[in-house]
PDB file of all heavy atoms in Angstrom:
ATOM      1  N   MET A   1       1.650  10.887 -55.702  1.00  0.00           N
ATOM      2  CA  MET A   1       0.772  10.492 -54.612  1.00  0.00           C
ATOM      3  C   MET A   1      -0.421   9.736 -55.195  1.00  0.00           C
ATOM      4  O   MET A   1      -1.186  10.301 -55.979  1.00  0.00           O
ATOM      5  CB  MET A   1       0.284  11.726 -53.861  1.00  0.00           C
ATOM      6  CG  MET A   1       1.424  12.594 -53.330  1.00  0.00           C
ATOM      7  SD  MET A   1       0.854  13.955 -52.283  1.00  0.00           S
ATOM      8  CE  MET A   1      -0.095  14.905 -53.472  1.00  0.00           C
ATOM      9  N   ASN A   2      -0.539   8.462 -54.851  1.00  0.00           N
ATOM     10  CA  ASN A   2      -1.633   7.608 -55.322  1.00  0.00           C
ATOM     11  C   ASN A   2      -2.520   7.202 -54.147  1.00  0.00           C
ATOM     12  O   ASN A   2      -2.099   7.314 -52.986  1.00  0.00           O
ATOM     13  CB  ASN A   2      -1.070   6.374 -56.011  1.00  0.00           C
ATOM     14  CG  ASN A   2      -0.231   6.705 -57.226  1.00  0.00           C
ATOM     15  OD1 ASN A   2      -0.485   7.710 -57.916  1.00  0.00           O
ATOM     16  ND2 ASN A   2       0.772   5.888 -57.494  1.00  0.00           N
ATOM     17  N   SER A   3      -3.691   6.742 -54.462  1.00  0.00           N
ATOM     18  CA  SER A   3      -4.625   6.230 -53.433  1.00  0.00           C
ATOM     19  C   SER A   3      -4.796   7.263 -52.325  1.00  0.00           C
ATOM     20  O   SER A   3      -4.718   6.916 -51.133  1.00  0.00           O
ATOM     21  CB  SER A   3      -4.156   4.903 -52.875  1.00  0.00           C
ATOM     22  OG  SER A   3      -4.013   3.945 -53.914  1.00  0.00           O
ATOM     23  N   LEU A   4      -5.025   8.485 -52.700  1.00  0.00           N
ATOM     24  CA  LEU A   4      -5.097   9.565 -51.707  1.00  0.00           C
ATOM     25  C   LEU A   4      -6.278   9.396 -50.774  1.00  0.00           C
ATOM     26  O   LEU A   4      -7.343   8.890 -51.171  1.00  0.00           O
ATOM     27  CB  LEU A   4      -5.153  10.919 -52.406  1.00  0.00           C
ATOM     28  CG  LEU A   4      -3.790  11.401 -52.935  1.00  0.00           C
ATOM     29  CD1 LEU A   4      -3.978  12.475 -53.994  1.00  0.00           C
ATOM     30  CD2 LEU A   4      -2.936  11.931 -51.795  1.00  0.00           C
ATOM     31  N   LYS A   5      -6.082   9.836 -49.531  1.00  0.00           N
ATOM     32  CA  LYS A   5      -7.092   9.735 -48.494  1.00  0.00           C
ATOM     33  C   LYS A   5      -7.368  11.133 -47.934  1.00  0.00           C
ATOM     34  O   LYS A   5      -6.494  12.029 -47.986  1.00  0.00           O
ATOM     35  CB  LYS A   5      -6.586   8.859 -47.339  1.00  0.00           C
ATOM     36  CG  LYS A   5      -6.139   7.453 -47.773  1.00  0.00           C
ATOM     37  CD  LYS A   5      -5.515   6.724 -46.605  1.00  0.00           C
ATOM     38  CE  LYS A   5      -5.037   5.332 -47.011  1.00  0.00           C
ATOM     39  NZ  LYS A   5      -4.443   4.584 -45.851  1.00  0.00           N
ATOM     40  N   PRO A   6      -8.559  11.329 -47.341  1.00  0.00           N
ATOM     41  CA  PRO A   6      -8.814  12.660 -46.758  1.00  0.00           C
ATOM     42  C   PRO A   6      -7.769  13.060 -45.731  1.00  0.00           C
ATOM     43  O   PRO A   6      -7.471  14.249 -45.588  1.00  0.00           O
ATOM     44  CB  PRO A   6     -10.188  12.437 -46.103  1.00  0.00           C
ATOM     45  CG  PRO A   6     -10.850  11.417 -46.976  1.00  0.00           C
ATOM     46  CD  PRO A   6      -9.744  10.473 -47.368  1.00  0.00           C
ATOM     47  N   GLY A   7      -7.184  12.108 -45.043  1.00  0.00           N
ATOM     48  CA  GLY A   7      -6.114  12.391 -44.069  1.00  0.00           C
ATOM     49  C   GLY A   7      -4.824  12.940 -44.674  1.00  0.00           C
ATOM     50  O   GLY A   7      -3.958  13.415 -43.944  1.00  0.00           O
ATOM     51  N   ASP A   8      -4.728  12.857 -46.017  1.00  0.00           N
ATOM     52  CA  ASP A   8      -3.551  13.436 -46.687  1.00  0.00           C
ATOM     53  C   ASP A   8      -3.715  14.925 -46.946  1.00  0.00           C
ATOM     54  O   ASP A   8      -2.777  15.574 -47.433  1.00  0.00           O
ATOM     55  CB  ASP A   8      -3.311  12.701 -48.017  1.00  0.00           C
ATOM     56  CG  ASP A   8      -2.961  11.245 -47.840  1.00  0.00           C
ATOM     57  OD1 ASP A   8      -2.154  10.935 -46.957  1.00  0.00           O
ATOM     58  OD2 ASP A   8      -3.494  10.408 -48.613  1.00  0.00           O
ATOM     59  N   THR A   9      -4.880  15.442 -46.651  1.00  0.00           N
ATOM     60  CA  THR A   9      -5.122  16.884 -46.865  1.00  0.00           C
ATOM     61  C   THR A   9      -4.172  17.731 -46.025  1.00  0.00           C
ATOM     62  O   THR A   9      -4.092  17.559 -44.820  1.00  0.00           O
ATOM     63  CB  THR A   9      -6.575  17.236 -46.522  1.00  0.00           C
ATOM     64  OG1 THR A   9      -7.450  16.551 -47.437  1.00  0.00           O
ATOM     65  CG2 THR A   9      -6.816  18.726 -46.615  1.00  0.00           C
ATOM     66  N   ALA A  10      -3.447  18.614 -46.690  1.00  0.00           N
ATOM     67  CA  ALA A  10      -2.450  19.460 -46.014  1.00  0.00           C
ATOM     68  C   ALA A  10      -1.796  20.375 -47.019  1.00  0.00           C
ATOM     69  O   ALA A  10      -1.993  20.229 -48.240  1.00  0.00           O
ATOM     70  CB  ALA A  10      -1.377  18.576 -45.376  1.00  0.00           C
ATOM     71  N   VAL A  11      -1.021  21.303 -46.509  1.00  0.00           N
ATOM     72  CA  VAL A  11      -0.108  22.065 -47.362  1.00  0.00           C
ATOM     73  C   VAL A  11       1.195  21.283 -47.433  1.00  0.00           C
ATOM     74  O   VAL A  11       1.734  20.900 -46.389  1.00  0.00           O
ATOM     75  CB  VAL A  11       0.152  23.493 -46.824  1.00  0.00           C
ATOM     76  CG1 VAL A  11       1.161  24.213 -47.711  1.00  0.00           C
ATOM     77  CG2 VAL A  11      -1.152  24.260 -46.745  1.00  0.00           C
ATOM     78  N   TYR A  12       1.657  21.012 -48.631  1.00  0.00           N
ATOM     79  CA  TYR A  12       2.874  20.197 -48.841  1.00  0.00           C
ATOM     80  C   TYR A  12       4.037  21.150 -49.168  1.00  0.00           C
ATOM     81  O   TYR A  12       3.931  21.991 -50.053  1.00  0.00           O
ATOM     82  CB  TYR A  12       2.656  19.202 -49.967  1.00  0.00           C
ATOM     83  CG  TYR A  12       1.843  18.000 -49.503  1.00  0.00           C
ATOM     84  CD1 TYR A  12       0.489  18.150 -49.222  1.00  0.00           C
ATOM     85  CD2 TYR A  12       2.441  16.759 -49.316  1.00  0.00           C
ATOM     86  CE1 TYR A  12      -0.263  17.075 -48.781  1.00  0.00           C
ATOM     87  CE2 TYR A  12       1.681  15.676 -48.880  1.00  0.00           C
ATOM     88  CZ  TYR A  12       0.336  15.842 -48.605  1.00  0.00           C
ATOM     89  OH  TYR A  12      -0.401  14.777 -48.172  1.00  0.00           O
ATOM     90  N   TYR A  13       5.140  20.920 -48.467  1.00  0.00           N
ATOM     91  CA  TYR A  13       6.350  21.729 -48.662  1.00  0.00           C
ATOM     92  C   TYR A  13       7.512  20.862 -49.111  1.00  0.00           C
ATOM     93  O   TYR A  13       7.700  19.757 -48.595  1.00  0.00           O
ATOM     94  CB  TYR A  13       6.758  22.382 -47.329  1.00  0.00           C
ATOM     95  CG  TYR A  13       5.729  23.314 -46.733  1.00  0.00           C
ATOM     96  CD1 TYR A  13       4.749  22.848 -45.881  1.00  0.00           C
ATOM     97  CD2 TYR A  13       5.776  24.693 -47.018  1.00  0.00           C
ATOM     98  CE1 TYR A  13       3.822  23.716 -45.315  1.00  0.00           C
ATOM     99  CE2 TYR A  13       4.852  25.543 -46.457  1.00  0.00           C
ATOM    100  CZ  TYR A  13       3.875  25.043 -45.623  1.00  0.00           C
ATOM    101  OH  TYR A  13       2.955  25.913 -45.075  1.00  0.00           O
ATOM    102  N   CYS A  14       8.273  21.362 -50.040  1.00  0.00           N
ATOM    103  CA  CYS A  14       9.547  20.672 -50.339  1.00  0.00           C
ATOM    104  C   CYS A  14      10.652  21.411 -49.654  1.00  0.00           C
ATOM    105  O   CYS A  14      10.554  22.609 -49.353  1.00  0.00           O
ATOM    106  CB  CYS A  14       9.783  20.519 -51.851  1.00  0.00           C
ATOM    107  SG  CYS A  14      10.337  21.974 -52.696  1.00  0.00           S
ATOM    108  N   ALA A  15      11.742  20.697 -49.389  1.00  0.00           N
ATOM    109  CA  ALA A  15      12.864  21.252 -48.675  1.00  0.00           C
ATOM    110  C   ALA A  15      14.150  20.659 -49.207  1.00  0.00           C
ATOM    111  O   ALA A  15      14.181  19.522 -49.661  1.00  0.00           O
ATOM    112  CB  ALA A  15      12.720  20.954 -47.175  1.00  0.00           C
ATOM    113  N   ALA A  16      15.212  21.476 -49.122  1.00  0.00           N
ATOM    114  CA  ALA A  16      16.524  21.054 -49.631  1.00  0.00           C
ATOM    115  C   ALA A  16      17.535  21.045 -48.504  1.00  0.00           C
ATOM    116  O   ALA A  16      17.584  21.958 -47.678  1.00  0.00           O
ATOM    117  CB  ALA A  16      16.968  21.979 -50.739  1.00  0.00           C
ATOM    118  N   SER A  17      18.382  20.016 -48.526  1.00  0.00           N
ATOM    119  CA  SER A  17      19.432  19.906 -47.524  1.00  0.00           C
ATOM    120  C   SER A  17      20.776  19.699 -48.227  1.00  0.00           C
ATOM    121  O   SER A  17      21.081  18.592 -48.692  1.00  0.00           O
ATOM    122  CB  SER A  17      19.153  18.717 -46.612  1.00  0.00           C
ATOM    123  OG  SER A  17      20.199  18.542 -45.675  1.00  0.00           O
ATOM    124  N   PRO A  18      21.605  20.754 -48.299  1.00  0.00           N
ATOM    125  CA  PRO A  18      22.917  20.606 -48.911  1.00  0.00           C
ATOM    126  C   PRO A  18      23.957  20.035 -47.975  1.00  0.00           C
ATOM    127  O   PRO A  18      25.110  19.820 -48.358  1.00  0.00           O
ATOM    128  CB  PRO A  18      23.286  22.060 -49.287  1.00  0.00           C
ATOM    129  CG  PRO A  18      22.570  22.885 -48.260  1.00  0.00           C
ATOM    130  CD  PRO A  18      21.319  22.134 -47.906  1.00  0.00           C
ATOM    131  N   ASP A  19      23.553  19.760 -46.726  1.00  0.00           N
ATOM    132  CA  ASP A  19      24.525  19.364 -45.711  1.00  0.00           C
ATOM    133  C   ASP A  19      24.685  17.869 -45.578  1.00  0.00           C
ATOM    134  O   ASP A  19      25.500  17.409 -44.779  1.00  0.00           O
ATOM    135  CB  ASP A  19      24.107  19.954 -44.359  1.00  0.00           C
ATOM    136  CG  ASP A  19      23.989  21.461 -44.400  1.00  0.00           C
ATOM    137  OD1 ASP A  19      24.894  22.099 -44.984  1.00  0.00           O
ATOM    138  OD2 ASP A  19      22.973  22.008 -43.919  1.00  0.00           O
ATOM    139  N   TYR A  20      23.892  17.088 -46.331  1.00  0.00           N
ATOM    140  CA  TYR A  20      23.972  15.643 -46.203  1.00  0.00           C
ATOM    141  C   TYR A  20      24.169  15.007 -47.596  1.00  0.00           C
ATOM    142  O   TYR A  20      23.226  14.494 -48.182  1.00  0.00           O
ATOM    143  CB  TYR A  20      22.685  15.089 -45.538  1.00  0.00           C
ATOM    144  CG  TYR A  20      22.538  15.576 -44.121  1.00  0.00           C
ATOM    145  CD1 TYR A  20      21.810  16.717 -43.862  1.00  0.00           C
ATOM    146  CD2 TYR A  20      23.135  14.901 -43.066  1.00  0.00           C
ATOM    147  CE1 TYR A  20      21.672  17.190 -42.541  1.00  0.00           C
ATOM    148  CE2 TYR A  20      22.992  15.363 -41.771  1.00  0.00           C
ATOM    149  CZ  TYR A  20      22.273  16.498 -41.526  1.00  0.00           C
ATOM    150  OH  TYR A  20      22.148  16.962 -40.240  1.00  0.00           O
ATOM    151  N   ARG A  21      25.376  15.105 -48.053  1.00  0.00           N
ATOM    152  CA  ARG A  21      25.690  14.533 -49.385  1.00  0.00           C
ATOM    153  C   ARG A  21      26.164  13.098 -49.178  1.00  0.00           C
ATOM    154  O   ARG A  21      27.356  12.802 -49.214  1.00  0.00           O
ATOM    155  CB  ARG A  21      26.750  15.366 -50.100  1.00  0.00           C
ATOM    156  CG  ARG A  21      26.814  15.092 -51.590  1.00  0.00           C
ATOM    157  CD  ARG A  21      27.656  16.135 -52.299  1.00  0.00           C
ATOM    158  NE  ARG A  21      27.590  16.011 -53.738  1.00  0.00           N
ATOM    159  CZ  ARG A  21      28.439  15.293 -54.460  1.00  0.00           C
ATOM    160  NH1 ARG A  21      29.417  14.645 -53.879  1.00  0.00           N
ATOM    161  NH2 ARG A  21      28.313  15.226 -55.769  1.00  0.00           N
ATOM    162  N   SER A  22      25.192  12.240 -48.931  1.00  0.00           N
ATOM    163  CA  SER A  22      25.482  10.852 -48.611  1.00  0.00           C
ATOM    164  C   SER A  22      24.539   9.945 -49.398  1.00  0.00           C
ATOM    165  O   SER A  22      23.404  10.308 -49.655  1.00  0.00           O
ATOM    166  CB  SER A  22      25.290  10.612 -47.127  1.00  0.00           C
ATOM    167  OG  SER A  22      25.280   9.230 -46.825  1.00  0.00           O
ATOM    168  N   ASP A  23      25.038   8.797 -49.759  1.00  0.00           N
ATOM    169  CA  ASP A  23      24.177   7.797 -50.410  1.00  0.00           C
ATOM    170  C   ASP A  23      23.547   6.852 -49.394  1.00  0.00           C
ATOM    171  O   ASP A  23      22.816   5.928 -49.794  1.00  0.00           O
ATOM    172  CB  ASP A  23      24.978   6.975 -51.416  1.00  0.00           C
ATOM    173  CG  ASP A  23      25.212   7.736 -52.706  1.00  0.00           C
ATOM    174  OD1 ASP A  23      24.367   8.606 -53.034  1.00  0.00           O
ATOM    175  OD2 ASP A  23      26.211   7.469 -53.370  1.00  0.00           O
ATOM    176  N   TYR A  24      23.836   7.097 -48.118  1.00  0.00           N
ATOM    177  CA  TYR A  24      23.364   6.158 -47.106  1.00  0.00           C
ATOM    178  C   TYR A  24      22.415   6.809 -46.079  1.00  0.00           C
ATOM    179  O   TYR A  24      21.557   6.163 -45.528  1.00  0.00           O
ATOM    180  CB  TYR A  24      24.558   5.538 -46.365  1.00  0.00           C
ATOM    181  CG  TYR A  24      25.511   4.862 -47.305  1.00  0.00           C
ATOM    182  CD1 TYR A  24      26.679   5.500 -47.727  1.00  0.00           C
ATOM    183  CD2 TYR A  24      25.226   3.594 -47.812  1.00  0.00           C
ATOM    184  CE1 TYR A  24      27.557   4.871 -48.606  1.00  0.00           C
ATOM    185  CE2 TYR A  24      26.096   2.973 -48.692  1.00  0.00           C
ATOM    186  CZ  TYR A  24      27.252   3.616 -49.085  1.00  0.00           C
ATOM    187  OH  TYR A  24      28.095   3.009 -49.952  1.00  0.00           O
ATOM    188  N   TYR A  25      22.614   8.082 -45.858  1.00  0.00           N
ATOM    189  CA  TYR A  25      21.810   8.759 -44.821  1.00  0.00           C
ATOM    190  C   TYR A  25      20.763   9.645 -45.484  1.00  0.00           C
ATOM    191  O   TYR A  25      21.072  10.481 -46.346  1.00  0.00           O
ATOM    192  CB  TYR A  25      22.722   9.620 -43.950  1.00  0.00           C
ATOM    193  CG  TYR A  25      21.954  10.325 -42.856  1.00  0.00           C
ATOM    194  CD1 TYR A  25      21.495   9.621 -41.740  1.00  0.00           C
ATOM    195  CD2 TYR A  25      21.652  11.669 -42.941  1.00  0.00           C
ATOM    196  CE1 TYR A  25      20.781  10.260 -40.745  1.00  0.00           C
ATOM    197  CE2 TYR A  25      20.932  12.320 -41.960  1.00  0.00           C
ATOM    198  CZ  TYR A  25      20.494  11.601 -40.861  1.00  0.00           C
ATOM    199  OH  TYR A  25      19.772  12.231 -39.881  1.00  0.00           O
ATOM    200  N   VAL A  26      19.522   9.455 -45.075  1.00  0.00           N
ATOM    201  CA  VAL A  26      18.428  10.251 -45.588  1.00  0.00           C
ATOM    202  C   VAL A  26      17.900  11.142 -44.464  1.00  0.00           C
ATOM    203  O   VAL A  26      17.381  10.639 -43.481  1.00  0.00           O
ATOM    204  CB  VAL A  26      17.268   9.339 -46.090  1.00  0.00           C
ATOM    205  CG1 VAL A  26      16.147  10.200 -46.687  1.00  0.00           C
ATOM    206  CG2 VAL A  26      17.761   8.335 -47.113  1.00  0.00           C
ATOM    207  N   PRO A  27      18.055  12.443 -44.575  1.00  0.00           N
ATOM    208  CA  PRO A  27      17.596  13.332 -43.516  1.00  0.00           C
ATOM    209  C   PRO A  27      16.054  13.378 -43.458  1.00  0.00           C
ATOM    210  O   PRO A  27      15.401  13.504 -44.491  1.00  0.00           O
ATOM    211  CB  PRO A  27      18.162  14.699 -43.915  1.00  0.00           C
ATOM    212  CG  PRO A  27      18.408  14.619 -45.363  1.00  0.00           C
ATOM    213  CD  PRO A  27      18.709  13.184 -45.667  1.00  0.00           C
ATOM    214  N   ILE A  28      15.508  13.239 -42.251  1.00  0.00           N
ATOM    215  CA  ILE A  28      14.054  13.234 -42.105  1.00  0.00           C
ATOM    216  C   ILE A  28      13.551  14.251 -41.081  1.00  0.00           C
ATOM    217  O   ILE A  28      12.355  14.387 -40.896  1.00  0.00           O
ATOM    218  CB  ILE A  28      13.547  11.821 -41.721  1.00  0.00           C
ATOM    219  CG1 ILE A  28      14.050  11.401 -40.350  1.00  0.00           C
ATOM    220  CG2 ILE A  28      13.919  10.807 -42.798  1.00  0.00           C
ATOM    221  CD1 ILE A  28      13.405  10.123 -39.850  1.00  0.00           C
ATOM    222  N   SER A  29      14.475  14.977 -40.450  1.00  0.00           N
ATOM    223  CA  SER A  29      14.044  15.986 -39.457  1.00  0.00           C
ATOM    224  C   SER A  29      13.990  17.359 -40.077  1.00  0.00           C
ATOM    225  O   SER A  29      14.785  17.691 -40.958  1.00  0.00           O
ATOM    226  CB  SER A  29      15.027  16.007 -38.288  1.00  0.00           C
ATOM    227  OG  SER A  29      15.032  14.760 -37.629  1.00  0.00           O
ATOM    228  N   ARG A  30      13.041  18.179 -39.624  1.00  0.00           N
ATOM    229  CA  ARG A  30      12.909  19.508 -40.157  1.00  0.00           C
ATOM    230  C   ARG A  30      14.193  20.306 -40.027  1.00  0.00           C
ATOM    231  O   ARG A  30      14.587  21.059 -40.935  1.00  0.00           O
ATOM    232  CB  ARG A  30      11.777  20.256 -39.430  1.00  0.00           C
ATOM    233  CG  ARG A  30      10.392  19.777 -39.786  1.00  0.00           C
ATOM    234  CD  ARG A  30       9.354  20.551 -39.015  1.00  0.00           C
ATOM    235  NE  ARG A  30       9.467  21.992 -39.206  1.00  0.00           N
ATOM    236  CZ  ARG A  30       8.733  22.889 -38.585  1.00  0.00           C
ATOM    237  NH1 ARG A  30       7.836  22.513 -37.700  1.00  0.00           N
ATOM    238  NH2 ARG A  30       8.885  24.175 -38.821  1.00  0.00           N
ATOM    239  N   ASN A  31      14.878  20.164 -38.908  1.00  0.00           N
ATOM    240  CA  ASN A  31      16.072  20.979 -38.686  1.00  0.00           C
ATOM    241  C   ASN A  31      17.273  20.528 -39.507  1.00  0.00           C
ATOM    242  O   ASN A  31      18.339  21.141 -39.432  1.00  0.00           O
ATOM    243  CB  ASN A  31      16.408  21.054 -37.198  1.00  0.00           C
ATOM    244  CG  ASN A  31      16.680  19.699 -36.613  1.00  0.00           C
ATOM    245  OD1 ASN A  31      16.738  18.698 -37.328  1.00  0.00           O
ATOM    246  ND2 ASN A  31      16.854  19.621 -35.306  1.00  0.00           N
ATOM    247  N   GLU A  32      17.126  19.459 -40.280  1.00  0.00           N
ATOM    248  CA  GLU A  32      18.189  19.030 -41.164  1.00  0.00           C
ATOM    249  C   GLU A  32      18.069  19.680 -42.549  1.00  0.00           C
ATOM    250  O   GLU A  32      18.936  19.471 -43.410  1.00  0.00           O
ATOM    251  CB  GLU A  32      18.175  17.498 -41.310  1.00  0.00           C
ATOM    252  CG  GLU A  32      18.515  16.769 -40.022  1.00  0.00           C
ATOM    253  CD  GLU A  32      18.449  15.269 -40.159  1.00  0.00           C
ATOM    254  OE1 GLU A  32      17.428  14.742 -40.648  1.00  0.00           O
ATOM    255  OE2 GLU A  32      19.463  14.609 -39.816  1.00  0.00           O
ATOM    256  N   TYR A  33      17.009  20.439 -42.753  1.00  0.00           N
ATOM    257  CA  TYR A  33      16.781  21.060 -44.042  1.00  0.00           C
ATOM    258  C   TYR A  33      16.983  22.592 -43.944  1.00  0.00           C
ATOM    259  O   TYR A  33      16.470  23.213 -43.015  1.00  0.00           O
ATOM    260  CB  TYR A  33      15.384  20.740 -44.547  1.00  0.00           C
ATOM    261  CG  TYR A  33      15.275  19.314 -45.020  1.00  0.00           C
ATOM    262  CD1 TYR A  33      15.004  18.285 -44.121  1.00  0.00           C
ATOM    263  CD2 TYR A  33      15.520  18.982 -46.350  1.00  0.00           C
ATOM    264  CE1 TYR A  33      14.982  16.967 -44.548  1.00  0.00           C
ATOM    265  CE2 TYR A  33      15.460  17.663 -46.787  1.00  0.00           C
ATOM    266  CZ  TYR A  33      15.203  16.660 -45.878  1.00  0.00           C
ATOM    267  OH  TYR A  33      15.166  15.355 -46.309  1.00  0.00           O
ATOM    268  N   ARG A  34      17.729  23.115 -44.899  1.00  0.00           N
ATOM    269  CA  ARG A  34      18.088  24.538 -44.816  1.00  0.00           C
ATOM    270  C   ARG A  34      17.158  25.422 -45.630  1.00  0.00           C
ATOM    271  O   ARG A  34      16.903  26.568 -45.268  1.00  0.00           O
ATOM    272  CB  ARG A  34      19.511  24.721 -45.320  1.00  0.00           C
ATOM    273  CG  ARG A  34      20.141  26.050 -44.906  1.00  0.00           C
ATOM    274  CD  ARG A  34      21.473  26.292 -45.551  1.00  0.00           C
ATOM    275  NE  ARG A  34      22.462  25.256 -45.283  1.00  0.00           N
ATOM    276  CZ  ARG A  34      23.693  25.292 -45.793  1.00  0.00           C
ATOM    277  NH1 ARG A  34      24.063  26.299 -46.538  1.00  0.00           N
ATOM    278  NH2 ARG A  34      24.551  24.322 -45.522  1.00  0.00           N
ATOM    279  N   TYR A  35      16.646  24.902 -46.754  1.00  0.00           N
ATOM    280  CA  TYR A  35      15.834  25.717 -47.644  1.00  0.00           C
ATOM    281  C   TYR A  35      14.446  25.114 -47.796  1.00  0.00           C
ATOM    282  O   TYR A  35      14.296  23.888 -47.895  1.00  0.00           O
ATOM    283  CB  TYR A  35      16.514  25.830 -49.024  1.00  0.00           C
ATOM    284  CG  TYR A  35      17.919  26.356 -48.956  1.00  0.00           C
ATOM    285  CD1 TYR A  35      18.989  25.522 -49.170  1.00  0.00           C
ATOM    286  CD2 TYR A  35      18.139  27.693 -48.643  1.00  0.00           C
ATOM    287  CE1 TYR A  35      20.294  26.010 -49.088  1.00  0.00           C
ATOM    288  CE2 TYR A  35      19.442  28.176 -48.568  1.00  0.00           C
ATOM    289  CZ  TYR A  35      20.502  27.347 -48.793  1.00  0.00           C
ATOM    290  OH  TYR A  35      21.768  27.816 -48.718  1.00  0.00           O
ATOM    291  N   TRP A  36      13.437  25.992 -47.877  1.00  0.00           N
ATOM    292  CA  TRP A  36      12.045  25.568 -47.939  1.00  0.00           C
ATOM    293  C   TRP A  36      11.288  26.314 -49.034  1.00  0.00           C
ATOM    294  O   TRP A  36      11.562  27.500 -49.274  1.00  0.00           O
ATOM    295  CB  TRP A  36      11.347  25.826 -46.599  1.00  0.00           C
ATOM    296  CG  TRP A  36      11.874  24.971 -45.507  1.00  0.00           C
ATOM    297  CD1 TRP A  36      13.007  25.189 -44.753  1.00  0.00           C
ATOM    298  CD2 TRP A  36      11.315  23.736 -45.038  1.00  0.00           C
ATOM    299  NE1 TRP A  36      13.163  24.185 -43.856  1.00  0.00           N
ATOM    300  CE2 TRP A  36      12.147  23.272 -44.000  1.00  0.00           C
ATOM    301  CE3 TRP A  36      10.208  22.995 -45.391  1.00  0.00           C
ATOM    302  CZ2 TRP A  36      11.907  22.090 -43.313  1.00  0.00           C
ATOM    303  CZ3 TRP A  36       9.942  21.834 -44.687  1.00  0.00           C
ATOM    304  CH2 TRP A  36      10.795  21.382 -43.674  1.00  0.00           C
ATOM    305  N   GLY A  37      10.357  25.608 -49.647  1.00  0.00           N
ATOM    306  CA  GLY A  37       9.449  26.273 -50.575  1.00  0.00           C
ATOM    307  C   GLY A  37       8.261  26.890 -49.835  1.00  0.00           C
ATOM    308  O   GLY A  37       8.179  26.779 -48.595  1.00  0.00           O
ATOM    309  N   GLN A  38       7.377  27.518 -50.599  1.00  0.00           N
ATOM    310  CA  GLN A  38       6.220  28.209 -49.995  1.00  0.00           C
ATOM    311  C   GLN A  38       5.041  27.272 -49.754  1.00  0.00           C
ATOM    312  O   GLN A  38       4.107  27.651 -49.023  1.00  0.00           O
ATOM    313  CB  GLN A  38       5.785  29.361 -50.912  1.00  0.00           C
ATOM    314  CG  GLN A  38       6.800  30.484 -51.008  1.00  0.00           C
ATOM    315  CD  GLN A  38       7.093  31.073 -49.653  1.00  0.00           C
ATOM    316  OE1 GLN A  38       6.192  31.519 -48.941  1.00  0.00           O
ATOM    317  NE2 GLN A  38       8.379  31.112 -49.264  1.00  0.00           N
ATOM    318  N   GLY A  39       5.055  26.111 -50.352  1.00  0.00           N
ATOM    319  CA  GLY A  39       3.994  25.144 -50.105  1.00  0.00           C
ATOM    320  C   GLY A  39       2.934  25.138 -51.185  1.00  0.00           C
ATOM    321  O   GLY A  39       2.726  26.129 -51.892  1.00  0.00           O
ATOM    322  N   THR A  40       2.283  23.992 -51.342  1.00  0.00           N
ATOM    323  CA  THR A  40       1.188  23.833 -52.272  1.00  0.00           C
ATOM    324  C   THR A  40       0.071  23.041 -51.579  1.00  0.00           C
ATOM    325  O   THR A  40       0.347  22.059 -50.895  1.00  0.00           O
ATOM    326  CB  THR A  40       1.618  23.154 -53.580  1.00  0.00           C
ATOM    327  OG1 THR A  40       0.531  23.123 -54.511  1.00  0.00           O
ATOM    328  CG2 THR A  40       2.123  21.726 -53.339  1.00  0.00           C
ATOM    329  N   GLN A  41      -1.162  23.502 -51.736  1.00  0.00           N
ATOM    330  CA  GLN A  41      -2.281  22.900 -51.025  1.00  0.00           C
ATOM    331  C   GLN A  41      -2.750  21.625 -51.737  1.00  0.00           C
ATOM    332  O   GLN A  41      -2.978  21.640 -52.940  1.00  0.00           O
ATOM    333  CB  GLN A  41      -3.465  23.895 -50.919  1.00  0.00           C
ATOM    334  CG  GLN A  41      -4.714  23.340 -50.290  1.00  0.00           C
ATOM    335  CD  GLN A  41      -4.567  23.103 -48.798  1.00  0.00           C
ATOM    336  OE1 GLN A  41      -4.058  23.976 -48.081  1.00  0.00           O
ATOM    337  NE2 GLN A  41      -4.994  21.946 -48.321  1.00  0.00           N
ATOM    338  N   VAL A  42      -2.928  20.579 -50.947  1.00  0.00           N
ATOM    339  CA  VAL A  42      -3.537  19.336 -51.444  1.00  0.00           C
ATOM    340  C   VAL A  42      -4.792  19.086 -50.595  1.00  0.00           C
ATOM    341  O   VAL A  42      -4.728  19.028 -49.347  1.00  0.00           O
ATOM    342  CB  VAL A  42      -2.577  18.148 -51.315  1.00  0.00           C
ATOM    343  CG1 VAL A  42      -3.297  16.835 -51.607  1.00  0.00           C
ATOM    344  CG2 VAL A  42      -1.396  18.350 -52.263  1.00  0.00           C
ATOM    345  N   THR A  43      -5.930  18.942 -51.244  1.00  0.00           N
ATOM    346  CA  THR A  43      -7.179  18.702 -50.566  1.00  0.00           C
ATOM    347  C   THR A  43      -7.792  17.451 -51.137  1.00  0.00           C
ATOM    348  O   THR A  43      -8.013  17.340 -52.352  1.00  0.00           O
ATOM    349  CB  THR A  43      -8.166  19.862 -50.710  1.00  0.00           C
ATOM    350  OG1 THR A  43      -7.540  21.059 -50.238  1.00  0.00           O
ATOM    351  CG2 THR A  43      -9.429  19.614 -49.936  1.00  0.00           C
TER     352      THR A  43
END
């Protein structure tokens, strides 16, 4: 993350989706992800 702005302040979560093994489709909806981390704070 470069050129950070105050509007980027949030808890950031990573998520894994084993259901979309494709080189063409990128899942962007929350319900497409099965596993989630606990989050890390960015201020």
